[in-house]
Amino acid sequence: MRGLTQGEASSTANPVLQLYCRSGGFLADFISGTYKVEYIGDPAVAPVEKVATTAFVVGDKLATGRYVIPTGATTTWTVGTHRAVCNYVMTVAGSTYQQIVEFEILNSGDFPTGRGYVGYISVRRAIQDEYMLSTDSVPTAQRYIYRASQQIERWCHRWFEPRYVVFKVPGLERSQLLLDEAIIAIEDVYAVWQTTTGQDTYKFEQYLYKVYNRYLDGSADLDDRWHPMLYLTDVDGTIPRTRGFAWPYGNQNIQVQGVFGFVDPEYDPLAGEILIGSTPREIAMVAGTLLYRYMEDPMLSSVLVHQPGAIVSARTRDQSYKRGGSDGAAPTNMSGDPLIDGILQKYQAPLAVGTL
């Protein structure tokens, strides 16, 4: 989830809020689409419309399959959770799909710009799920959510939301191009090399490779989030086995552009291969739990609050207890809580050793 500082606007010059559209393995343009923006920071109150339903225009397009969601001036907007409700049609006479893009309006004293903000739980959801009270400070909660979300990414070595990224990987002279991040949709792939006058590129046309993002469309047995890759194919679509048909060998010589992130798939009864997934609920739960602990003990002084797994035994004047077994008797190397760390370990990226 992204953030905008009060007074900051999402625009083509500052595209903090974006709608991503895909068709199968690739980013693709919609036929038509609309958006509206609402304030939803108070769960006890109906959504308040901030931007009326508006049609996307040509100027909102950033690139194939990527559109900025304009907000206009946000100076008078309330600090807290907002959402952009986007409806779009991908094919002529096709079904209408909806994508909800939640974001926070941030206090300018805490965040001079919201561009770098990331949150895996909204303030609204934190109130609903009782990680905080409705009377608690919203700016304080946003700071703690930001901290908790950064910690989750650092512990797991990956992110858990759709993000547009451009990065380079080594070609290993194989038909497989192994990637580090789970694929949502690819924009373009290039071979790049340096020359005496700068950098040259060769674009791989989309029909030349298969995109392994099958988890988004119902493939539970083969979860491509754990083995993301692009596979070169012949022109007729078959996977070649000849050594000569391979990604060119080199170091950081293949540039991949697209939307990536370790997200949970969303069920699509139309099987349209269009939905882009959402943050795993377990990750949101961990972010909420960390938020609760920071709100409870901001000084990090209580082991009982922040590292309950470190408590081996406790005693009062009349009672004592000792934890049985070693599973809950020692802090782990992440949050210090074996229950939370047990969840995070399921989402940790494999260690990369000796990569270039």
Protein backbone atom coordinates (compact mmCIF):
# COMPACT_ATOMS: atom_id res chain seq x y z
CA MET A 1 0.00 0.00 0.00
CA ARG A 2 1.30 3.40 -1.02
CA GLY A 3 1.07 6.81 0.62
CA LEU A 4 0.58 10.47 -0.30
CA THR A 5 1.53 13.33 1.98
CA GLN A 6 -1.19 15.91 2.62
CA GLY A 7 -0.95 18.38 -0.25
CA GLU A 8 0.83 15.90 -2.53
CA ALA A 9 -0.94 14.74 -5.68
CA SER A 10 -0.70 11.55 -7.68
CA SER A 11 -0.09 12.56 -11.30
CA THR A 12 1.92 11.60 -14.36
CA ALA A 13 4.81 13.59 -12.89
CA ASN A 14 4.43 11.80 -9.54
CA PRO A 15 2.72 8.46 -10.31
CA VAL A 16 2.45 7.14 -6.76
CA LEU A 17 -0.93 5.52 -7.39
CA GLN A 18 -1.05 3.26 -10.42
CA LEU A 19 -3.50 0.84 -12.00
CA TYR A 20 -1.78 -2.27 -13.41
CA CYS A 21 -3.57 -4.23 -16.13
CA ARG A 22 -2.42 -7.60 -17.42
CA SER A 23 -3.46 -10.22 -19.91
CA GLY A 24 -1.87 -13.55 -19.11
CA GLY A 25 1.83 -13.03 -18.56
CA PHE A 26 2.10 -9.51 -19.94
CA LEU A 27 1.00 -5.98 -19.16
CA ALA A 28 -1.79 -4.98 -21.53
CA ASP A 29 -3.92 -1.92 -22.20
CA PHE A 30 -7.59 -1.79 -21.31
CA ILE A 31 -10.36 -0.79 -23.71
CA SER A 32 -11.90 1.67 -21.25
CA GLY A 33 -11.75 2.41 -17.56
CA THR A 34 -12.96 4.70 -14.76
CA TYR A 35 -11.81 5.53 -11.24
CA LYS A 36 -13.07 7.26 -8.13
CA VAL A 37 -11.35 8.02 -4.83
CA GLU A 38 -12.92 7.66 -1.38
CA TYR A 39 -11.92 8.30 2.23
CA ILE A 40 -12.47 5.12 4.27
CA GLY A 41 -10.39 5.92 7.35
CA ASP A 42 -13.28 5.57 9.82
CA PRO A 43 -14.82 2.08 9.71
CA ALA A 44 -17.91 3.38 11.51
CA VAL A 45 -18.69 5.90 8.76
CA ALA A 46 -19.70 5.33 5.15
CA PRO A 47 -17.02 6.06 2.51
CA VAL A 48 -16.66 9.76 1.70
CA GLU A 49 -16.14 10.54 -1.98
CA LYS A 50 -13.07 12.70 -2.67
CA VAL A 51 -12.85 12.29 -6.45
CA ALA A 52 -16.04 11.55 -8.36
CA THR A 53 -16.16 8.76 -10.93
CA THR A 54 -13.93 9.86 -13.79
CA ALA A 55 -12.92 8.18 -17.04
CA PHE A 56 -9.25 7.49 -17.65
CA VAL A 57 -7.90 9.60 -20.52
CA VAL A 58 -4.97 9.13 -22.88
CA GLY A 59 -2.78 11.37 -20.74
CA ASP A 60 -3.14 9.00 -17.76
CA LYS A 61 -1.30 6.21 -19.57
CA LEU A 62 2.30 5.80 -18.37
CA ALA A 63 3.16 2.80 -20.54
CA THR A 64 1.51 -0.38 -21.77
CA GLY A 65 -0.77 -1.66 -19.00
CA ARG A 66 0.17 1.09 -16.51
CA TYR A 67 -2.05 4.08 -15.74
CA VAL A 68 -1.67 6.80 -13.15
CA ILE A 69 -4.64 7.39 -10.85
CA PRO A 70 -4.88 11.20 -10.57
CA THR A 71 -5.99 12.63 -7.24
CA GLY A 72 -5.67 16.37 -7.70
CA ALA A 73 -4.80 18.50 -4.68
CA THR A 74 -5.00 16.66 -1.34
CA THR A 75 -4.30 19.61 0.98
CA THR A 76 -7.67 19.35 2.73
CA TRP A 77 -7.89 15.55 2.76
CA THR A 78 -8.04 13.80 6.12
CA VAL A 79 -4.99 11.88 7.32
CA GLY A 80 -5.89 8.19 7.11
CA THR A 81 -6.89 5.42 4.73
CA HIS A 82 -8.28 6.15 1.27
CA ARG A 83 -8.98 3.95 -1.73
CA ALA A 84 -9.18 4.31 -5.48
CA VAL A 85 -11.90 2.14 -7.02
CA CYS A 86 -10.96 1.34 -10.61
CA ASN A 87 -13.30 -0.37 -13.08
CA TYR A 88 -12.01 -1.38 -16.49
CA VAL A 89 -12.75 -3.54 -19.53
CA MET A 90 -9.92 -5.41 -21.24
CA THR A 91 -11.66 -6.59 -24.43
CA VAL A 92 -14.44 -5.35 -26.68
CA ALA A 93 -17.78 -6.37 -25.14
CA GLY A 94 -15.79 -8.02 -22.35
CA SER A 95 -16.53 -8.22 -18.64
CA THR A 96 -15.82 -5.34 -16.27
CA TYR A 97 -13.05 -5.93 -13.74
CA GLN A 98 -12.48 -3.98 -10.56
CA GLN A 99 -9.20 -3.20 -8.82
CA ILE A 100 -9.06 -1.49 -5.42
CA VAL A 101 -5.92 0.54 -4.75
CA GLU A 102 -5.74 1.50 -1.07
CA PHE A 103 -3.40 4.24 0.11
CA GLU A 104 -2.76 6.42 3.13
CA ILE A 105 -2.85 10.21 3.33
CA LEU A 106 0.15 10.97 5.54
CA ASN A 107 1.04 13.76 7.94
CA SER A 108 3.51 16.11 6.24
CA GLY A 109 5.49 16.46 9.46
CA ASP A 110 6.23 12.72 9.45
CA PHE A 111 6.57 12.21 5.69
CA PRO A 112 7.73 15.17 3.54
CA THR A 113 6.77 12.97 0.58
CA GLY A 114 4.81 9.76 0.51
CA ARG A 115 6.70 8.29 -2.41
CA GLY A 116 8.71 5.83 -0.30
CA TYR A 117 5.89 4.83 2.04
CA VAL A 118 4.94 1.18 2.20
CA GLY A 119 2.34 -0.39 4.46
CA TYR A 120 1.09 -3.98 4.55
CA ILE A 121 -1.97 -3.11 6.62
CA SER A 122 -4.14 -0.03 6.43
CA VAL A 123 -5.11 2.05 9.45
CA ARG A 124 -8.73 1.20 8.69
CA ARG A 125 -8.01 -2.55 8.76
CA ALA A 126 -5.91 -2.15 11.91
CA ILE A 127 -8.89 -0.57 13.66
CA GLN A 128 -11.32 -3.19 12.36
CA ASP A 129 -9.07 -6.07 13.44
CA GLU A 130 -8.43 -4.43 16.84
CA TYR A 131 -4.70 -3.91 16.47
CA MET A 132 -5.37 -0.31 17.52
CA LEU A 133 -8.23 1.76 18.91
CA SER A 134 -10.24 4.21 16.85
CA THR A 135 -9.11 6.88 19.33
CA ASP A 136 -5.40 6.16 18.79
CA SER A 137 -3.28 8.63 16.84
CA VAL A 138 -3.48 7.89 13.10
CA PRO A 139 -0.11 9.54 12.26
CA THR A 140 1.56 7.48 15.00
CA ALA A 141 0.00 4.29 13.65
CA GLN A 142 1.18 5.13 10.13
CA ARG A 143 4.76 5.58 11.35
CA TYR A 144 4.65 2.21 13.09
CA ILE A 145 3.04 0.48 10.11
CA TYR A 146 5.81 1.87 7.91
CA ARG A 147 8.44 0.58 10.33
CA ALA A 148 6.82 -2.85 10.63
CA SER A 149 6.47 -3.19 6.85
CA GLN A 150 10.11 -2.30 6.30
CA GLN A 151 11.10 -4.91 8.88
CA ILE A 152 9.00 -7.57 7.17
CA GLU A 153 10.70 -6.87 3.84
CA ARG A 154 14.13 -6.93 5.46
CA TRP A 155 13.44 -10.21 7.25
CA CYS A 156 11.88 -11.92 4.23
CA HIS A 157 14.11 -10.34 1.54
CA ARG A 158 11.12 -9.63 -0.72
CA TRP A 159 8.07 -7.41 -1.03
CA PHE A 160 4.40 -8.37 -0.85
CA GLU A 161 2.54 -6.01 -3.17
CA PRO A 162 2.54 -5.33 -6.92
CA ARG A 163 5.43 -3.02 -7.87
CA TYR A 164 6.70 -1.89 -11.23
CA VAL A 165 10.43 -2.67 -11.37
CA VAL A 166 13.26 -2.55 -13.90
CA PHE A 167 16.24 -4.76 -13.06
CA LYS A 168 19.06 -6.67 -14.70
CA VAL A 169 19.93 -10.35 -14.34
CA PRO A 170 22.69 -12.53 -15.82
CA GLY A 171 22.01 -14.61 -18.90
CA LEU A 172 23.44 -18.10 -18.37
CA GLU A 173 23.26 -19.41 -21.94
CA ARG A 174 20.20 -21.50 -21.13
CA SER A 175 16.61 -21.39 -22.29
CA GLN A 176 15.58 -20.56 -18.71
CA LEU A 177 16.02 -17.04 -17.35
CA LEU A 178 15.76 -17.35 -13.57
CA LEU A 179 14.45 -14.34 -11.65
CA ASP A 180 14.52 -13.46 -7.97
CA GLU A 181 11.04 -11.93 -7.68
CA ALA A 182 7.63 -13.46 -8.29
CA ILE A 183 6.24 -12.35 -11.65
CA ILE A 184 2.87 -10.65 -11.96
CA ALA A 185 3.20 -9.33 -15.52
CA ILE A 186 6.08 -8.58 -17.87
CA GLU A 187 6.36 -5.36 -19.83
CA ASP A 188 9.54 -5.92 -21.88
CA VAL A 189 12.79 -7.90 -21.88
CA TYR A 190 16.03 -6.67 -23.47
CA ALA A 191 19.56 -7.91 -23.97
CA VAL A 192 21.89 -5.02 -23.11
CA TRP A 193 25.59 -4.51 -23.72
CA GLN A 194 28.06 -1.66 -23.51
CA THR A 195 29.75 -0.12 -26.53
CA THR A 196 32.27 2.67 -26.94
CA THR A 197 29.40 5.08 -27.56
CA GLY A 198 27.07 3.90 -24.79
CA GLN A 199 24.59 1.04 -24.37
CA ASP A 200 22.93 -1.00 -27.10
CA THR A 201 19.85 -3.16 -26.64
CA TYR A 202 17.98 -5.97 -28.36
CA LYS A 203 14.29 -6.42 -27.56
CA PHE A 204 12.98 -9.96 -27.17
CA GLU A 205 9.51 -10.02 -28.69
CA GLN A 206 6.84 -11.46 -26.42
CA TYR A 207 6.18 -14.48 -28.63
CA LEU A 208 9.77 -15.63 -28.00
CA TYR A 209 9.31 -16.55 -24.33
CA LYS A 210 6.82 -17.94 -21.86
CA VAL A 211 6.10 -16.14 -18.58
CA TYR A 212 5.79 -18.31 -15.49
CA ASN A 213 3.12 -16.60 -13.39
CA ARG A 214 0.63 -19.46 -13.44
CA TYR A 215 -0.09 -19.15 -9.71
CA LEU A 216 -2.23 -16.07 -10.45
CA ASP A 217 -4.61 -18.13 -12.56
CA GLY A 218 -5.27 -21.20 -10.47
CA SER A 219 -2.12 -23.34 -10.70
CA ALA A 220 -1.75 -24.44 -7.08
CA ASP A 221 0.46 -27.46 -7.75
CA LEU A 222 3.16 -25.46 -9.54
CA ASP A 223 3.57 -22.28 -7.51
CA ASP A 224 5.69 -20.09 -9.77
CA ARG A 225 6.21 -17.59 -6.97
CA TRP A 226 8.99 -19.83 -5.73
CA HIS A 227 10.53 -20.47 -9.15
CA PRO A 228 9.90 -17.35 -11.25
CA MET A 229 11.40 -17.52 -14.72
CA LEU A 230 11.08 -16.72 -18.39
CA TYR A 231 11.45 -19.60 -20.84
CA LEU A 232 12.57 -19.08 -24.43
CA THR A 233 10.37 -20.78 -27.01
CA ASP A 234 10.44 -21.39 -30.74
CA VAL A 235 8.25 -19.24 -32.94
CA ASP A 236 5.55 -21.92 -32.86
CA GLY A 237 5.50 -21.76 -29.05
CA THR A 238 7.31 -25.01 -28.25
CA ILE A 239 10.15 -24.98 -25.73
CA PRO A 240 13.44 -25.58 -27.54
CA ARG A 241 16.00 -28.05 -26.31
CA THR A 242 18.88 -27.01 -28.52
CA ARG A 243 21.84 -25.36 -26.85
CA GLY A 244 21.99 -22.60 -29.45
CA PHE A 245 18.59 -21.13 -28.54
CA ALA A 246 19.37 -19.54 -25.19
CA TRP A 247 19.48 -16.27 -23.31
CA PRO A 248 22.87 -14.73 -24.15
CA TYR A 249 25.60 -15.37 -21.62
CA GLY A 250 26.76 -12.42 -19.56
CA ASN A 251 26.75 -10.58 -16.26
CA GLN A 252 23.72 -8.33 -15.66
CA ASN A 253 23.10 -8.36 -19.40
CA ILE A 254 19.34 -9.08 -19.49
CA GLN A 255 17.04 -6.22 -18.53
CA VAL A 256 13.57 -7.22 -17.35
CA GLN A 257 10.75 -4.70 -16.92
CA GLY A 258 7.39 -5.41 -15.40
CA VAL A 259 5.26 -5.77 -12.28
CA PHE A 260 6.57 -8.09 -9.60
CA GLY A 261 5.69 -9.04 -6.03
CA PHE A 262 4.94 -12.03 -3.82
CA VAL A 263 1.14 -11.74 -3.75
CA ASP A 264 -1.72 -14.12 -3.15
CA PRO A 265 -3.91 -14.85 -6.20
CA GLU A 266 -7.48 -13.60 -6.39
CA TYR A 267 -10.11 -16.03 -7.61
CA ASP A 268 -11.57 -15.03 -10.97
CA PRO A 269 -14.77 -16.94 -11.86
CA LEU A 270 -14.33 -15.75 -15.45
CA ALA A 271 -10.80 -17.19 -15.70
CA GLY A 272 -9.76 -14.09 -17.59
CA GLU A 273 -6.07 -14.11 -16.56
CA ILE A 274 -6.42 -10.46 -15.62
CA LEU A 275 -6.37 -10.04 -11.80
CA ILE A 276 -3.02 -9.11 -10.23
CA GLY A 277 -3.30 -10.51 -6.70
CA SER A 278 -3.07 -8.89 -3.27
CA THR A 279 -0.89 -8.79 -0.15
CA PRO A 280 -1.06 -12.15 1.71
CA ARG A 281 -3.38 -11.88 4.71
CA GLU A 282 -0.77 -13.50 6.95
CA ILE A 283 1.66 -10.70 6.10
CA ALA A 284 -1.01 -8.13 6.95
CA MET A 285 -1.61 -9.98 10.23
CA VAL A 286 2.10 -9.82 11.12
CA ALA A 287 2.19 -6.10 10.30
CA GLY A 288 -0.86 -5.56 12.51
CA THR A 289 0.65 -7.54 15.38
CA LEU A 290 3.87 -5.52 15.23
CA LEU A 291 1.80 -2.32 15.12
CA TYR A 292 -0.06 -3.41 18.26
CA ARG A 293 3.21 -4.03 20.08
CA TYR A 294 4.69 -0.69 19.08
CA MET A 295 1.53 1.09 20.22
CA GLU A 296 1.58 -0.87 23.49
CA ASP A 297 5.27 -0.33 24.23
CA PRO A 298 6.89 2.29 21.96
CA MET A 299 10.11 2.27 24.01
CA LEU A 300 10.67 -1.47 23.30
CA SER A 301 11.31 -1.96 27.00
CA SER A 302 9.01 -4.92 27.71
CA VAL A 303 10.23 -8.38 26.79
CA LEU A 304 6.73 -9.69 27.49
CA VAL A 305 5.34 -7.46 24.73
CA HIS A 306 8.04 -7.68 22.07
CA GLN A 307 9.78 -11.02 22.67
CA PRO A 308 7.38 -13.36 24.43
CA GLY A 309 9.35 -16.32 23.10
CA ALA A 310 12.32 -15.25 25.21
CA ILE A 311 10.43 -15.90 28.45
CA VAL A 312 11.40 -19.37 29.67
CA SER A 313 9.72 -19.15 33.08
CA ALA A 314 7.88 -16.61 35.24
CA ARG A 315 7.10 -16.41 38.93
CA THR A 316 4.95 -14.27 41.21
CA ARG A 317 4.57 -14.54 44.95
CA ASP A 318 1.97 -17.30 44.69
CA GLN A 319 2.40 -18.80 41.23
CA SER A 320 5.07 -19.84 38.78
CA TYR A 321 5.18 -21.52 35.42
CA LYS A 322 7.76 -22.86 33.03
CA ARG A 323 7.33 -23.34 29.32
CA GLY A 324 7.60 -26.90 28.19
CA GLY A 325 9.94 -27.78 25.33
CA SER A 326 12.40 -25.60 23.50
CA ASP A 327 10.14 -24.39 20.67
CA GLY A 328 8.90 -21.39 22.63
CA ALA A 329 11.83 -21.01 25.00
CA ALA A 330 14.20 -18.83 23.03
CA PRO A 331 13.94 -15.79 20.79
CA THR A 332 14.39 -16.28 17.07
CA ASN A 333 16.42 -14.12 14.71
CA MET A 334 13.54 -11.95 13.42
CA SER A 335 10.77 -10.59 15.65
CA GLY A 336 11.69 -12.68 18.68
CA ASP A 337 8.24 -14.28 18.71
CA PRO A 338 8.29 -17.91 17.46
CA LEU A 339 4.66 -17.66 16.30
CA ILE A 340 5.30 -14.60 14.13
CA ASP A 341 8.63 -15.89 12.91
CA GLY A 342 7.03 -19.21 11.99
CA ILE A 343 4.74 -17.29 9.64
CA LEU A 344 7.52 -15.14 8.19
CA GLN A 345 9.78 -18.13 7.55
CA LYS A 346 7.16 -19.48 5.13
CA TYR A 347 7.57 -16.33 3.04
CA GLN A 348 11.34 -15.88 3.19
CA ALA A 349 13.16 -15.75 -0.13
CA PRO A 350 15.81 -18.44 -0.67
CA LEU A 351 19.31 -17.31 0.18
CA ALA A 352 21.36 -16.26 -2.84
CA VAL A 353 24.98 -17.32 -2.46
CA GLY A 354 27.76 -16.14 -4.76
CA THR A 355 25.50 -14.41 -7.28
CA LEU A 356 26.65 -11.67 -9.65
